[in-house]
PDB file of N, CA and C in Angstrom:
ATOM      1  N   MET A   1      24.968 -27.284  31.559  1.00  0.00           N
ATOM      2  CA  MET A   1      25.554 -26.325  30.646  1.00  0.00           C
ATOM      3  C   MET A   1      24.749 -26.254  29.346  1.00  0.00           C
ATOM      4  N   LYS A   2      24.257 -27.393  28.914  1.00  0.00           N
ATOM      5  CA  LYS A   2      23.482 -27.421  27.678  1.00  0.00           C
ATOM      6  C   LYS A   2      22.160 -26.672  27.826  1.00  0.00           C
ATOM      7  N   SER A   3      21.535 -26.735  28.989  1.00  0.00           N
ATOM      8  CA  SER A   3      20.251 -26.078  29.183  1.00  0.00           C
ATOM      9  C   SER A   3      20.370 -24.555  29.127  1.00  0.00           C
ATOM     10  N   THR A   4      21.487 -23.987  29.579  1.00  0.00           N
ATOM     11  CA  THR A   4      21.646 -22.530  29.506  1.00  0.00           C
ATOM     12  C   THR A   4      21.751 -22.075  28.058  1.00  0.00           C
ATOM     13  N   HIS A   5      22.382 -22.877  27.224  1.00  0.00           N
ATOM     14  CA  HIS A   5      22.488 -22.522  25.806  1.00  0.00           C
ATOM     15  C   HIS A   5      21.115 -22.557  25.139  1.00  0.00           C
ATOM     16  N   THR A   6      20.321 -23.551  25.464  1.00  0.00           N
ATOM     17  CA  THR A   6      18.976 -23.665  24.906  1.00  0.00           C
ATOM     18  C   THR A   6      18.096 -22.525  25.393  1.00  0.00           C
ATOM     19  N   THR A   7      18.198 -22.176  26.666  1.00  0.00           N
ATOM     20  CA  THR A   7      17.416 -21.076  27.219  1.00  0.00           C
ATOM     21  C   THR A   7      17.792 -19.761  26.553  1.00  0.00           C
ATOM     22  N   SER A   8      19.081 -19.568  26.325  1.00  0.00           N
ATOM     23  CA  SER A   8      19.539 -18.343  25.674  1.00  0.00           C
ATOM     24  C   SER A   8      18.962 -18.245  24.263  1.00  0.00           C
ATOM     25  N   ARG A   9      18.937 -19.350  23.559  1.00  0.00           N
ATOM     26  CA  ARG A   9      18.414 -19.341  22.194  1.00  0.00           C
ATOM     27  C   ARG A   9      16.911 -19.059  22.190  1.00  0.00           C
ATOM     28  N   ASN A  10      16.176 -19.642  23.118  1.00  0.00           N
ATOM     29  CA  ASN A  10      14.735 -19.435  23.174  1.00  0.00           C
ATOM     30  C   ASN A  10      14.390 -18.006  23.561  1.00  0.00           C
ATOM     31  N   SER A  11      15.132 -17.412  24.468  1.00  0.00           N
ATOM     32  CA  SER A  11      14.839 -16.036  24.864  1.00  0.00           C
ATOM     33  C   SER A  11      15.151 -15.068  23.732  1.00  0.00           C
ATOM     34  N   HIS A  12      16.135 -15.374  22.924  1.00  0.00           N
ATOM     35  CA  HIS A  12      16.459 -14.517  21.779  1.00  0.00           C
ATOM     36  C   HIS A  12      15.345 -14.579  20.738  1.00  0.00           C
ATOM     37  N   ARG A  13      14.748 -15.722  20.548  1.00  0.00           N
ATOM     38  CA  ARG A  13      13.702 -15.883  19.536  1.00  0.00           C
ATOM     39  C   ARG A  13      12.386 -15.252  19.970  1.00  0.00           C
ATOM     40  N   ALA A  14      12.211 -15.006  21.257  1.00  0.00           N
ATOM     41  CA  ALA A  14      10.954 -14.439  21.740  1.00  0.00           C
ATOM     42  C   ALA A  14      10.785 -12.988  21.299  1.00  0.00           C
ATOM     43  N   ALA A  15      11.851 -12.309  20.964  1.00  0.00           N
ATOM     44  CA  ALA A  15      11.779 -10.901  20.569  1.00  0.00           C
ATOM     45  C   ALA A  15      11.539 -10.785  19.063  1.00  0.00           C
ATOM     46  N   PHE A  16      11.034  -9.620  18.644  1.00  0.00           N
ATOM     47  CA  PHE A  16      10.843  -9.360  17.226  1.00  0.00           C
ATOM     48  C   PHE A  16      12.157  -8.897  16.614  1.00  0.00           C
ATOM     49  N   SER A  17      12.389  -9.248  15.375  1.00  0.00           N
ATOM     50  CA  SER A  17      13.587  -8.780  14.693  1.00  0.00           C
ATOM     51  C   SER A  17      13.354  -7.364  14.171  1.00  0.00           C
ATOM     52  N   LEU A  18      14.424  -6.706  13.829  1.00  0.00           N
ATOM     53  CA  LEU A  18      14.338  -5.338  13.329  1.00  0.00           C
ATOM     54  C   LEU A  18      13.550  -5.292  12.024  1.00  0.00           C
ATOM     55  N   VAL A  19      13.727  -6.279  11.179  1.00  0.00           N
ATOM     56  CA  VAL A  19      13.017  -6.313   9.896  1.00  0.00           C
ATOM     57  C   VAL A  19      11.515  -6.431  10.126  1.00  0.00           C
ATOM     58  N   GLU A  20      11.111  -7.286  11.058  1.00  0.00           N
ATOM     59  CA  GLU A  20       9.685  -7.441  11.349  1.00  0.00           C
ATOM     60  C   GLU A  20       9.086  -6.140  11.865  1.00  0.00           C
ATOM     61  N   LEU A  21       9.797  -5.452  12.736  1.00  0.00           N
ATOM     62  CA  LEU A  21       9.296  -4.177  13.255  1.00  0.00           C
ATOM     63  C   LEU A  21       9.191  -3.128  12.153  1.00  0.00           C
ATOM     64  N   LEU A  22      10.175  -3.075  11.262  1.00  0.00           N
ATOM     65  CA  LEU A  22      10.131  -2.104  10.170  1.00  0.00           C
ATOM     66  C   LEU A  22       8.983  -2.390   9.214  1.00  0.00           C
ATOM     67  N   VAL A  23       8.696  -3.653   8.958  1.00  0.00           N
ATOM     68  CA  VAL A  23       7.576  -4.008   8.081  1.00  0.00           C
ATOM     69  C   VAL A  23       6.260  -3.567   8.708  1.00  0.00           C
ATOM     70  N   VAL A  24       6.087  -3.821   9.997  1.00  0.00           N
ATOM     71  CA  VAL A  24       4.852  -3.428  10.680  1.00  0.00           C
ATOM     72  C   VAL A  24       4.706  -1.912  10.688  1.00  0.00           C
ATOM     73  N   ILE A  25       5.785  -1.190  10.960  1.00  0.00           N
ATOM     74  CA  ILE A  25       5.729   0.277  10.958  1.00  0.00           C
ATOM     75  C   ILE A  25       5.387   0.793   9.563  1.00  0.00           C
ATOM     76  N   GLY A  26       5.941   0.178   8.527  1.00  0.00           N
ATOM     77  CA  GLY A  26       5.630   0.583   7.157  1.00  0.00           C
ATOM     78  C   GLY A  26       4.171   0.359   6.810  1.00  0.00           C
ATOM     79  N   ILE A  27       3.634  -0.781   7.191  1.00  0.00           N
ATOM     80  CA  ILE A  27       2.221  -1.072   6.919  1.00  0.00           C
ATOM     81  C   ILE A  27       1.322  -0.094   7.661  1.00  0.00           C
ATOM     82  N   LEU A  28       1.635   0.178   8.924  1.00  0.00           N
ATOM     83  CA  LEU A  28       0.828   1.134   9.694  1.00  0.00           C
ATOM     84  C   LEU A  28       0.894   2.532   9.090  1.00  0.00           C
ATOM     85  N   THR A  29       2.058   2.928   8.597  1.00  0.00           N
ATOM     86  CA  THR A  29       2.197   4.244   7.971  1.00  0.00           C
ATOM     87  C   THR A  29       1.328   4.351   6.723  1.00  0.00           C
ATOM     88  N   ILE A  30       1.330   3.311   5.911  1.00  0.00           N
ATOM     89  CA  ILE A  30       0.502   3.312   4.698  1.00  0.00           C
ATOM     90  C   ILE A  30      -0.978   3.376   5.059  1.00  0.00           C
ATOM     91  N   LEU A  31      -1.398   2.580   6.034  1.00  0.00           N
ATOM     92  CA  LEU A  31      -2.810   2.584   6.435  1.00  0.00           C
ATOM     93  C   LEU A  31      -3.230   3.928   7.016  1.00  0.00           C
ATOM     94  N   MET A  32      -2.364   4.543   7.806  1.00  0.00           N
ATOM     95  CA  MET A  32      -2.702   5.853   8.375  1.00  0.00           C
ATOM     96  C   MET A  32      -2.776   6.919   7.286  1.00  0.00           C
ATOM     97  N   GLY A  33      -1.916   6.822   6.285  1.00  0.00           N
ATOM     98  CA  GLY A  33      -1.976   7.761   5.173  1.00  0.00           C
ATOM     99  C   GLY A  33      -3.268   7.627   4.386  1.00  0.00           C
ATOM    100  N   LEU A  34      -3.676   6.396   4.142  1.00  0.00           N
ATOM    101  CA  LEU A  34      -4.944   6.173   3.433  1.00  0.00           C
ATOM    102  C   LEU A  34      -6.132   6.673   4.248  1.00  0.00           C
ATOM    103  N   ALA A  35      -6.110   6.440   5.548  1.00  0.00           N
ATOM    104  CA  ALA A  35      -7.204   6.905   6.407  1.00  0.00           C
ATOM    105  C   ALA A  35      -7.250   8.429   6.435  1.00  0.00           C
ATOM    106  N   TYR A  36      -6.086   9.070   6.470  1.00  0.00           N
ATOM    107  CA  TYR A  36      -6.035  10.533   6.495  1.00  0.00           C
ATOM    108  C   TYR A  36      -6.631  11.115   5.215  1.00  0.00           C
ATOM    109  N   VAL A  37      -6.276  10.541   4.081  1.00  0.00           N
ATOM    110  CA  VAL A  37      -6.802  11.029   2.800  1.00  0.00           C
ATOM    111  C   VAL A  37      -8.310  10.806   2.728  1.00  0.00           C
ATOM    112  N   THR A  38      -8.763   9.636   3.134  1.00  0.00           N
ATOM    113  CA  THR A  38     -10.193   9.311   3.075  1.00  0.00           C
ATOM    114  C   THR A  38     -11.003  10.215   3.991  1.00  0.00           C
ATOM    115  N   LEU A  39     -10.527  10.414   5.209  1.00  0.00           N
ATOM    116  CA  LEU A  39     -11.256  11.275   6.145  1.00  0.00           C
ATOM    117  C   LEU A  39     -11.229  12.737   5.702  1.00  0.00           C
ATOM    118  N   GLY A  40     -10.143  13.158   5.096  1.00  0.00           N
ATOM    119  CA  GLY A  40     -10.068  14.522   4.589  1.00  0.00           C
ATOM    120  C   GLY A  40     -11.060  14.759   3.464  1.00  0.00           C
ATOM    121  N   GLN A  41     -11.192  13.788   2.577  1.00  0.00           N
ATOM    122  CA  GLN A  41     -12.141  13.920   1.470  1.00  0.00           C
ATOM    123  C   GLN A  41     -13.577  13.913   1.970  1.00  0.00           C
ATOM    124  N   SER A  42     -13.882  13.075   2.951  1.00  0.00           N
ATOM    125  CA  SER A  42     -15.254  13.044   3.465  1.00  0.00           C
ATOM    126  C   SER A  42     -15.570  14.327   4.231  1.00  0.00           C
ATOM    127  N   GLY A  43     -14.580  14.922   4.866  1.00  0.00           N
ATOM    128  CA  GLY A  43     -14.797  16.196   5.552  1.00  0.00           C
ATOM    129  C   GLY A  43     -15.087  17.315   4.568  1.00  0.00           C
ATOM    130  N   GLN A  44     -14.399  17.311   3.437  1.00  0.00           N
ATOM    131  CA  GLN A  44     -14.659  18.318   2.412  1.00  0.00           C
ATOM    132  C   GLN A  44     -16.057  18.155   1.833  1.00  0.00           C
ATOM    133  N   LYS A  45     -16.468  16.936   1.588  1.00  0.00           N
ATOM    134  CA  LYS A  45     -17.803  16.688   1.044  1.00  0.00           C
ATOM    135  C   LYS A  45     -18.879  17.121   2.031  1.00  0.00           C
ATOM    136  N   ALA A  46     -18.638  16.924   3.319  1.00  0.00           N
ATOM    137  CA  ALA A  46     -19.618  17.326   4.333  1.00  0.00           C
ATOM    138  C   ALA A  46     -19.734  18.847   4.386  1.00  0.00           C
ATOM    139  N   ARG A  47     -18.607  19.543   4.243  1.00  0.00           N
ATOM    140  CA  ARG A  47     -18.655  21.007   4.265  1.00  0.00           C
ATOM    141  C   ARG A  47     -19.378  21.558   3.040  1.00  0.00           C
ATOM    142  N   VAL A  48     -19.163  20.926   1.893  1.00  0.00           N
ATOM    143  CA  VAL A  48     -19.827  21.375   0.667  1.00  0.00           C
ATOM    144  C   VAL A  48     -21.325  21.117   0.766  1.00  0.00           C
ATOM    145  N   ALA A  49     -21.720  19.987   1.342  1.00  0.00           N
ATOM    146  CA  ALA A  49     -23.133  19.640   1.454  1.00  0.00           C
ATOM    147  C   ALA A  49     -23.850  20.506   2.484  1.00  0.00           C
ATOM    148  N   ALA A  50     -23.128  21.021   3.459  1.00  0.00           N
ATOM    149  CA  ALA A  50     -23.775  21.791   4.533  1.00  0.00           C
ATOM    150  C   ALA A  50     -24.056  23.192   4.157  1.00  0.00           C
TER     151      ALA A  50
END
């Protein structure tokens, strides 16, 4: 009986929590926004130079 309780606890810990997922999604959103701005600016500079 004790082993099933331990197994249940370990399987629950194997998953990511909602807070961890939200933090990762937030970081990815910020990085994608920065990449979009940077690539947009370099595209404008290339058009002006051409």
